[in-house]
Amino acid sequence: MFDVNMVRHDCNSCLFKALSCQYLEAEEFEVIRRTSVPLRFKKGETIVKQGGRSTHLVFLHHGMVKFNYEVDDGKNVILTIVTGPKLLGGANLFFRMTNIFSLVAVENCDICLIDSRVFMSQLVDQGKYLLTLFERTTEMFEASIFNFISLAYKQVNGRIADVLIYLADHVYKNDEFLLTLTRKEIAEFAACSHENVINHLSKLNKEGVISLEGKVLKILDRDKLREISKHG
């Protein structure tokens, strides 16, 4: 379960505070801060449940989160994966009162739950701030859109190549990284089987496109990986 005592971020250096205080007075932000709850979620724990009532925004200070969507047949699809610091859950704030997906911790995550009603009450006359938040929270959904284009038009090898490029560029931000995602999570992200992921990673490793030693993955031939992405 989450542990309030182990949350490791400083409110004074918080990116959310820095952004908010460009538009809000200190006392206005203090109302939001006092009603926010800092929590730590361990790897694998659900932060927000699909279909549940949307009552809070989530600000991710540290860690990695996956956006899960469960389809009618019970299968799970990963829409996108993000790392902190980032404001999550903005789509629910602007569009609907129920959570349209689940947020699940891929690594230990430090977050703040921000009360939506209190938050909106401070932003009644802050159109520029609302627009800024909307722009920031919709950035992550661009990745979801491109992922579904990949799922619709590419073969499995192209989709796995897309996932590796996305992880390197937007999640781990390096061509060499410790893969904290499981093979099952990669399969859910690429909408393929667990066996597909194992076989294609092994093939890419043998062909020298990547190196894979334990959980350490390194992209060795990015041009080749892009070519697989393009034609897959």
C-alpha atoms as a PDB file:
ATOM      1  CA  MET A   1       0.000   0.000   0.000  1.00  0.00           C
ATOM      2  CA  PHE A   2       1.021   3.627  -0.338  1.00  0.00           C
ATOM      3  CA  ASP A   3       3.136   5.202   2.391  1.00  0.00           C
ATOM      4  CA  VAL A   4       2.645   8.886   3.228  1.00  0.00           C
ATOM      5  CA  ASN A   5       5.814   9.026   5.323  1.00  0.00           C
ATOM      6  CA  MET A   6       8.104   7.983   2.489  1.00  0.00           C
ATOM      7  CA  VAL A   7       7.064  10.665  -0.023  1.00  0.00           C
ATOM      8  CA  ARG A   8      10.266  12.392  -1.093  1.00  0.00           C
ATOM      9  CA  HIS A   9       9.572  15.764  -2.634  1.00  0.00           C
ATOM     10  CA  ASP A  10       9.810  19.335  -1.414  1.00  0.00           C
ATOM     11  CA  CYS A  11       6.733  21.516  -1.905  1.00  0.00           C
ATOM     12  CA  ASN A  12       8.955  24.585  -2.210  1.00  0.00           C
ATOM     13  CA  SER A  13      10.754  23.158  -5.257  1.00  0.00           C
ATOM     14  CA  CYS A  14       7.695  21.466  -6.784  1.00  0.00           C
ATOM     15  CA  LEU A  15       7.238  22.017 -10.529  1.00  0.00           C
ATOM     16  CA  PHE A  16       3.460  22.191 -10.079  1.00  0.00           C
ATOM     17  CA  LYS A  17       3.876  25.044  -7.571  1.00  0.00           C
ATOM     18  CA  ALA A  18       6.316  26.850  -9.868  1.00  0.00           C
ATOM     19  CA  LEU A  19       3.874  26.619 -12.764  1.00  0.00           C
ATOM     20  CA  SER A  20       0.834  27.543 -10.683  1.00  0.00           C
ATOM     21  CA  CYS A  21       2.417  30.550  -9.019  1.00  0.00           C
ATOM     22  CA  GLN A  22       3.046  32.138 -12.400  1.00  0.00           C
ATOM     23  CA  TYR A  23      -0.722  32.694 -12.492  1.00  0.00           C
ATOM     24  CA  LEU A  24      -2.022  32.392  -8.919  1.00  0.00           C
ATOM     25  CA  GLU A  25      -1.352  34.475  -5.850  1.00  0.00           C
ATOM     26  CA  ALA A  26       0.505  32.710  -3.031  1.00  0.00           C
ATOM     27  CA  GLU A  27      -2.626  32.528  -0.855  1.00  0.00           C
ATOM     28  CA  GLU A  28      -4.645  31.054  -3.742  1.00  0.00           C
ATOM     29  CA  PHE A  29      -2.091  28.300  -4.265  1.00  0.00           C
ATOM     30  CA  GLU A  30      -1.933  27.687  -0.503  1.00  0.00           C
ATOM     31  CA  VAL A  31      -5.632  26.727  -0.554  1.00  0.00           C
ATOM     32  CA  ILE A  32      -4.830  24.091  -3.189  1.00  0.00           C
ATOM     33  CA  ARG A  33      -1.739  22.880  -1.306  1.00  0.00           C
ATOM     34  CA  ARG A  34      -3.551  22.461   2.019  1.00  0.00           C
ATOM     35  CA  THR A  35      -6.201  20.228   0.466  1.00  0.00           C
ATOM     36  CA  SER A  36      -3.750  18.116  -1.563  1.00  0.00           C
ATOM     37  CA  VAL A  37      -2.559  14.724  -0.310  1.00  0.00           C
ATOM     38  CA  PRO A  38       1.030  13.504  -0.873  1.00  0.00           C
ATOM     39  CA  LEU A  39       1.280   9.742  -1.336  1.00  0.00           C
ATOM     40  CA  ARG A  40       3.763   7.093  -2.408  1.00  0.00           C
ATOM     41  CA  PHE A  41       2.590   4.142  -4.502  1.00  0.00           C
ATOM     42  CA  LYS A  42       4.692   1.029  -4.939  1.00  0.00           C
ATOM     43  CA  LYS A  43       5.396  -0.659  -8.256  1.00  0.00           C
ATOM     44  CA  GLY A  44       2.255  -2.361  -9.567  1.00  0.00           C
ATOM     45  CA  GLU A  45      -0.227  -0.447  -7.405  1.00  0.00           C
ATOM     46  CA  THR A  46      -3.213   1.270  -9.002  1.00  0.00           C
ATOM     47  CA  ILE A  47      -3.276   5.024  -8.450  1.00  0.00           C
ATOM     48  CA  VAL A  48      -6.512   5.734 -10.321  1.00  0.00           C
ATOM     49  CA  LYS A  49      -9.064   3.095 -11.335  1.00  0.00           C
ATOM     50  CA  GLN A  50     -10.817   3.078 -14.714  1.00  0.00           C
ATOM     51  CA  GLY A  51     -14.539   3.726 -14.285  1.00  0.00           C
ATOM     52  CA  GLY A  52     -14.137   5.181 -10.803  1.00  0.00           C
ATOM     53  CA  ARG A  53     -15.379   8.635  -9.896  1.00  0.00           C
ATOM     54  CA  SER A  54     -12.952  11.365 -10.883  1.00  0.00           C
ATOM     55  CA  THR A  55     -12.373  13.572  -7.836  1.00  0.00           C
ATOM     56  CA  HIS A  56      -8.685  14.498  -8.080  1.00  0.00           C
ATOM     57  CA  LEU A  57      -5.948  15.514 -10.422  1.00  0.00           C
ATOM     58  CA  VAL A  58      -2.709  13.573 -10.029  1.00  0.00           C
ATOM     59  CA  PHE A  59       0.668  15.284 -10.061  1.00  0.00           C
ATOM     60  CA  LEU A  60       3.493  12.781 -10.517  1.00  0.00           C
ATOM     61  CA  HIS A  61       6.646  14.067  -8.824  1.00  0.00           C
ATOM     62  CA  HIS A  62       8.875  11.008  -9.278  1.00  0.00           C
ATOM     63  CA  GLY A  63       8.507   7.617 -10.898  1.00  0.00           C
ATOM     64  CA  MET A  64       6.896   6.040 -13.934  1.00  0.00           C
ATOM     65  CA  VAL A  65       3.194   5.473 -14.629  1.00  0.00           C
ATOM     66  CA  LYS A  66       1.333   3.508 -17.292  1.00  0.00           C
ATOM     67  CA  PHE A  67      -2.103   4.443 -18.616  1.00  0.00           C
ATOM     68  CA  ASN A  68      -4.135   1.216 -18.714  1.00  0.00           C
ATOM     69  CA  TYR A  69      -7.378   0.737 -20.609  1.00  0.00           C
ATOM     70  CA  GLU A  70      -9.389  -2.451 -20.097  1.00  0.00           C
ATOM     71  CA  VAL A  71     -11.490  -3.393 -23.112  1.00  0.00           C
ATOM     72  CA  ASP A  72     -14.803  -5.262 -22.969  1.00  0.00           C
ATOM     73  CA  ASP A  73     -13.262  -8.733 -23.293  1.00  0.00           C
ATOM     74  CA  GLY A  74     -11.099  -8.132 -20.224  1.00  0.00           C
ATOM     75  CA  LYS A  75      -7.878  -7.579 -22.160  1.00  0.00           C
ATOM     76  CA  ASN A  76      -5.636  -4.743 -21.063  1.00  0.00           C
ATOM     77  CA  VAL A  77      -4.048  -2.182 -23.389  1.00  0.00           C
ATOM     78  CA  ILE A  78      -1.352   0.288 -22.334  1.00  0.00           C
ATOM     79  CA  LEU A  79      -2.206   3.645 -23.896  1.00  0.00           C
ATOM     80  CA  THR A  80       1.027   5.364 -22.984  1.00  0.00           C
ATOM     81  CA  ILE A  81       3.783   5.485 -20.353  1.00  0.00           C
ATOM     82  CA  VAL A  82       5.096   8.668 -18.712  1.00  0.00           C
ATOM     83  CA  THR A  83       7.672   9.719 -16.145  1.00  0.00           C
ATOM     84  CA  GLY A  84       7.544  12.569 -13.637  1.00  0.00           C
ATOM     85  CA  PRO A  85       7.367  15.407 -13.056  1.00  0.00           C
ATOM     86  CA  LYS A  86       4.046  15.589 -14.902  1.00  0.00           C
ATOM     87  CA  LEU A  87       0.419  16.525 -14.286  1.00  0.00           C
ATOM     88  CA  LEU A  88      -1.864  13.559 -14.961  1.00  0.00           C
ATOM     89  CA  GLY A  89      -5.606  13.189 -15.203  1.00  0.00           C
ATOM     90  CA  GLY A  90      -6.307  16.474 -16.965  1.00  0.00           C
ATOM     91  CA  ALA A  91      -8.663  14.822 -19.444  1.00  0.00           C
ATOM     92  CA  ASN A  92     -10.977  13.911 -16.572  1.00  0.00           C
ATOM     93  CA  LEU A  93     -10.872  17.471 -15.243  1.00  0.00           C
ATOM     94  CA  PHE A  94     -11.966  18.941 -18.541  1.00  0.00           C
ATOM     95  CA  PHE A  95     -14.152  16.246 -20.064  1.00  0.00           C
ATOM     96  CA  ARG A  96     -15.909  13.877 -17.655  1.00  0.00           C
ATOM     97  CA  MET A  97     -16.611  12.833 -14.078  1.00  0.00           C
ATOM     98  CA  THR A  98     -15.406   9.236 -14.310  1.00  0.00           C
ATOM     99  CA  ASN A  99     -11.888   7.980 -14.938  1.00  0.00           C
ATOM    100  CA  ILE A 100     -11.496   6.954 -18.581  1.00  0.00           C
ATOM    101  CA  PHE A 101      -8.427   4.822 -17.832  1.00  0.00           C
ATOM    102  CA  SER A 102      -6.406   3.475 -14.912  1.00  0.00           C
ATOM    103  CA  LEU A 103      -3.081   4.889 -13.761  1.00  0.00           C
ATOM    104  CA  VAL A 104      -0.726   2.171 -12.495  1.00  0.00           C
ATOM    105  CA  ALA A 105       2.746   2.612 -10.998  1.00  0.00           C
ATOM    106  CA  VAL A 106       5.481   0.980 -13.094  1.00  0.00           C
ATOM    107  CA  GLU A 107       8.057   2.071 -10.524  1.00  0.00           C
ATOM    108  CA  ASN A 108       7.661   3.467  -7.001  1.00  0.00           C
ATOM    109  CA  CYS A 109       5.865   6.784  -7.489  1.00  0.00           C
ATOM    110  CA  ASP A 110       5.595   9.940  -5.387  1.00  0.00           C
ATOM    111  CA  ILE A 111       2.408  11.824  -6.214  1.00  0.00           C
ATOM    112  CA  CYS A 112       0.057  14.490  -4.956  1.00  0.00           C
ATOM    113  CA  LEU A 113      -3.703  14.069  -5.217  1.00  0.00           C
ATOM    114  CA  ILE A 114      -5.154  17.515  -5.920  1.00  0.00           C
ATOM    115  CA  ASP A 115      -8.823  18.028  -5.086  1.00  0.00           C
ATOM    116  CA  SER A 116     -10.528  18.930  -8.384  1.00  0.00           C
ATOM    117  CA  ARG A 117     -13.291  21.073  -6.835  1.00  0.00           C
ATOM    118  CA  VAL A 118     -10.871  23.110  -4.725  1.00  0.00           C
ATOM    119  CA  PHE A 119      -8.521  23.426  -7.675  1.00  0.00           C
ATOM    120  CA  MET A 120     -11.231  24.676 -10.045  1.00  0.00           C
ATOM    121  CA  SER A 121     -12.580  27.108  -7.447  1.00  0.00           C
ATOM    122  CA  GLN A 122      -9.226  28.916  -7.488  1.00  0.00           C
ATOM    123  CA  LEU A 123      -9.124  29.032 -11.284  1.00  0.00           C
ATOM    124  CA  VAL A 124     -12.476  30.652 -12.061  1.00  0.00           C
ATOM    125  CA  ASP A 125     -10.823  33.788 -13.464  1.00  0.00           C
ATOM    126  CA  GLN A 126      -7.604  32.145 -14.659  1.00  0.00           C
ATOM    127  CA  GLY A 127      -8.236  31.385 -18.333  1.00  0.00           C
ATOM    128  CA  LYS A 128      -4.552  31.500 -19.291  1.00  0.00           C
ATOM    129  CA  TYR A 129      -3.625  29.060 -16.536  1.00  0.00           C
ATOM    130  CA  LEU A 130      -6.398  26.653 -17.527  1.00  0.00           C
ATOM    131  CA  LEU A 131      -5.204  26.764 -21.126  1.00  0.00           C
ATOM    132  CA  THR A 132      -1.613  26.093 -20.027  1.00  0.00           C
ATOM    133  CA  LEU A 133      -2.701  23.109 -17.944  1.00  0.00           C
ATOM    134  CA  PHE A 134      -4.840  21.792 -20.764  1.00  0.00           C
ATOM    135  CA  GLU A 135      -1.902  21.996 -23.169  1.00  0.00           C
ATOM    136  CA  ARG A 136       0.427  20.238 -20.737  1.00  0.00           C
ATOM    137  CA  THR A 137      -1.965  17.446 -19.854  1.00  0.00           C
ATOM    138  CA  THR A 138      -2.836  16.737 -23.477  1.00  0.00           C
ATOM    139  CA  GLU A 139       0.806  16.371 -24.542  1.00  0.00           C
ATOM    140  CA  MET A 140       0.880  12.799 -23.250  1.00  0.00           C
ATOM    141  CA  PHE A 141      -2.189  11.877 -25.257  1.00  0.00           C
ATOM    142  CA  GLU A 142      -0.324  12.630 -28.496  1.00  0.00           C
ATOM    143  CA  ALA A 143       1.758   9.537 -27.775  1.00  0.00           C
ATOM    144  CA  SER A 144      -1.430   7.499 -27.324  1.00  0.00           C
ATOM    145  CA  ILE A 145      -2.734   8.651 -30.703  1.00  0.00           C
ATOM    146  CA  PHE A 146       0.494   7.767 -32.502  1.00  0.00           C
ATOM    147  CA  ASN A 147       0.584   4.424 -30.691  1.00  0.00           C
ATOM    148  CA  PHE A 148      -2.876   3.518 -31.961  1.00  0.00           C
ATOM    149  CA  ILE A 149      -1.886   4.528 -35.491  1.00  0.00           C
ATOM    150  CA  SER A 150       1.024   2.112 -35.117  1.00  0.00           C
ATOM    151  CA  LEU A 151      -1.286  -0.634 -33.831  1.00  0.00           C
ATOM    152  CA  ALA A 152      -3.709  -0.150 -36.707  1.00  0.00           C
ATOM    153  CA  TYR A 153      -1.276  -0.081 -39.611  1.00  0.00           C
ATOM    154  CA  LYS A 154       1.902  -1.920 -38.616  1.00  0.00           C
ATOM    155  CA  GLN A 155       2.917  -5.525 -38.173  1.00  0.00           C
ATOM    156  CA  VAL A 156       4.204  -6.757 -34.829  1.00  0.00           C
ATOM    157  CA  ASN A 157       7.884  -6.084 -35.580  1.00  0.00           C
ATOM    158  CA  GLY A 158       7.076  -2.459 -36.485  1.00  0.00           C
ATOM    159  CA  ARG A 159       5.018  -1.958 -33.338  1.00  0.00           C
ATOM    160  CA  ILE A 160       7.760  -3.331 -31.098  1.00  0.00           C
ATOM    161  CA  ALA A 161      10.292  -1.077 -32.836  1.00  0.00           C
ATOM    162  CA  ASP A 162       7.976   1.894 -32.186  1.00  0.00           C
ATOM    163  CA  VAL A 163       7.729   0.971 -28.500  1.00  0.00           C
ATOM    164  CA  LEU A 164      11.533   0.767 -28.125  1.00  0.00           C
ATOM    165  CA  ILE A 165      12.028   4.139 -29.829  1.00  0.00           C
ATOM    166  CA  TYR A 166       9.322   5.725 -27.666  1.00  0.00           C
ATOM    167  CA  LEU A 167      10.817   4.316 -24.460  1.00  0.00           C
ATOM    168  CA  ALA A 168      14.293   5.584 -25.376  1.00  0.00           C
ATOM    169  CA  ASP A 169      13.121   9.053 -26.438  1.00  0.00           C
ATOM    170  CA  HIS A 170      10.300   9.845 -24.012  1.00  0.00           C
ATOM    171  CA  VAL A 171      10.494   7.558 -20.972  1.00  0.00           C
ATOM    172  CA  TYR A 172      14.111   6.675 -20.196  1.00  0.00           C
ATOM    173  CA  LYS A 173      15.507   9.506 -22.364  1.00  0.00           C
ATOM    174  CA  ASN A 174      18.577   7.486 -23.311  1.00  0.00           C
ATOM    175  CA  ASP A 175      19.441   4.811 -25.877  1.00  0.00           C
ATOM    176  CA  GLU A 176      20.688   2.617 -23.010  1.00  0.00           C
ATOM    177  CA  PHE A 177      18.371   1.964 -20.099  1.00  0.00           C
ATOM    178  CA  LEU A 178      17.372  -0.445 -17.362  1.00  0.00           C
ATOM    179  CA  LEU A 179      14.082  -1.876 -18.628  1.00  0.00           C
ATOM    180  CA  THR A 180      11.687  -1.540 -15.689  1.00  0.00           C
ATOM    181  CA  LEU A 181       8.761  -2.671 -17.840  1.00  0.00           C
ATOM    182  CA  THR A 182       8.020  -6.376 -17.932  1.00  0.00           C
ATOM    183  CA  ARG A 183       7.733  -8.314 -21.196  1.00  0.00           C
ATOM    184  CA  LYS A 184       3.997  -8.537 -20.495  1.00  0.00           C
ATOM    185  CA  GLU A 185       3.736  -4.739 -20.234  1.00  0.00           C
ATOM    186  CA  ILE A 186       5.653  -4.306 -23.492  1.00  0.00           C
ATOM    187  CA  ALA A 187       3.222  -6.775 -25.093  1.00  0.00           C
ATOM    188  CA  GLU A 188       0.260  -4.739 -23.794  1.00  0.00           C
ATOM    189  CA  PHE A 189       1.857  -1.540 -25.109  1.00  0.00           C
ATOM    190  CA  ALA A 190       2.452  -3.089 -28.548  1.00  0.00           C
ATOM    191  CA  ALA A 191      -0.855  -5.028 -28.552  1.00  0.00           C
ATOM    192  CA  CYS A 192       0.768  -8.373 -29.219  1.00  0.00           C
ATOM    193  CA  SER A 193       1.516 -11.584 -27.356  1.00  0.00           C
ATOM    194  CA  HIS A 194       4.148 -12.079 -24.688  1.00  0.00           C
ATOM    195  CA  GLU A 195       5.798 -14.634 -27.001  1.00  0.00           C
ATOM    196  CA  ASN A 196       5.946 -12.076 -29.820  1.00  0.00           C
ATOM    197  CA  VAL A 197       7.873  -9.680 -27.604  1.00  0.00           C
ATOM    198  CA  ILE A 198      10.364 -12.337 -26.487  1.00  0.00           C
ATOM    199  CA  ASN A 199      10.937 -13.575 -30.054  1.00  0.00           C
ATOM    200  CA  HIS A 200      11.322 -10.136 -31.630  1.00  0.00           C
ATOM    201  CA  LEU A 201      13.600  -8.793 -28.898  1.00  0.00           C
ATOM    202  CA  SER A 202      15.743 -11.900 -29.303  1.00  0.00           C
ATOM    203  CA  LYS A 203      15.840 -11.389 -33.084  1.00  0.00           C
ATOM    204  CA  LEU A 204      16.794  -7.717 -32.750  1.00  0.00           C
ATOM    205  CA  ASN A 205      19.507  -8.720 -30.295  1.00  0.00           C
ATOM    206  CA  LYS A 206      20.943 -11.364 -32.648  1.00  0.00           C
ATOM    207  CA  GLU A 207      20.892  -8.937 -35.585  1.00  0.00           C
ATOM    208  CA  GLY A 208      22.816  -6.314 -33.601  1.00  0.00           C
ATOM    209  CA  VAL A 209      20.021  -3.758 -33.683  1.00  0.00           C
ATOM    210  CA  ILE A 210      19.876  -3.792 -29.882  1.00  0.00           C
ATOM    211  CA  SER A 211      21.830  -5.419 -27.101  1.00  0.00           C
ATOM    212  CA  LEU A 212      19.895  -7.007 -24.288  1.00  0.00           C
ATOM    213  CA  GLU A 213      21.668  -8.280 -21.186  1.00  0.00           C
ATOM    214  CA  GLY A 214      19.272  -9.092 -18.395  1.00  0.00           C
ATOM    215  CA  LYS A 215      17.129  -5.971 -18.052  1.00  0.00           C
ATOM    216  CA  VAL A 216      19.665  -3.602 -19.607  1.00  0.00           C
ATOM    217  CA  LEU A 217      18.646  -2.699 -23.154  1.00  0.00           C
ATOM    218  CA  LYS A 218      20.739  -0.595 -25.531  1.00  0.00           C
ATOM    219  CA  ILE A 219      19.787   0.570 -29.010  1.00  0.00           C
ATOM    220  CA  LEU A 220      22.851  -0.063 -31.172  1.00  0.00           C
ATOM    221  CA  ASP A 221      21.461   0.699 -34.639  1.00  0.00           C
ATOM    222  CA  ARG A 222      18.793   3.383 -34.448  1.00  0.00           C
ATOM    223  CA  ASP A 223      18.617   3.754 -38.247  1.00  0.00           C
ATOM    224  CA  LYS A 224      17.809   0.065 -38.622  1.00  0.00           C
ATOM    225  CA  LEU A 225      15.219   0.289 -35.845  1.00  0.00           C
ATOM    226  CA  ARG A 226      13.575   3.263 -37.598  1.00  0.00           C
ATOM    227  CA  GLU A 227      13.557   1.284 -40.831  1.00  0.00           C
ATOM    228  CA  ILE A 228      11.775  -1.597 -39.084  1.00  0.00           C
ATOM    229  CA  SER A 229       9.336   0.912 -37.580  1.00  0.00           C
ATOM    230  CA  LYS A 230       8.650   2.469 -40.984  1.00  0.00           C
ATOM    231  CA  HIS A 231       8.124  -0.754 -42.926  1.00  0.00           C
ATOM    232  CA  GLY A 232       6.747  -2.987 -40.165  1.00  0.00           C
END
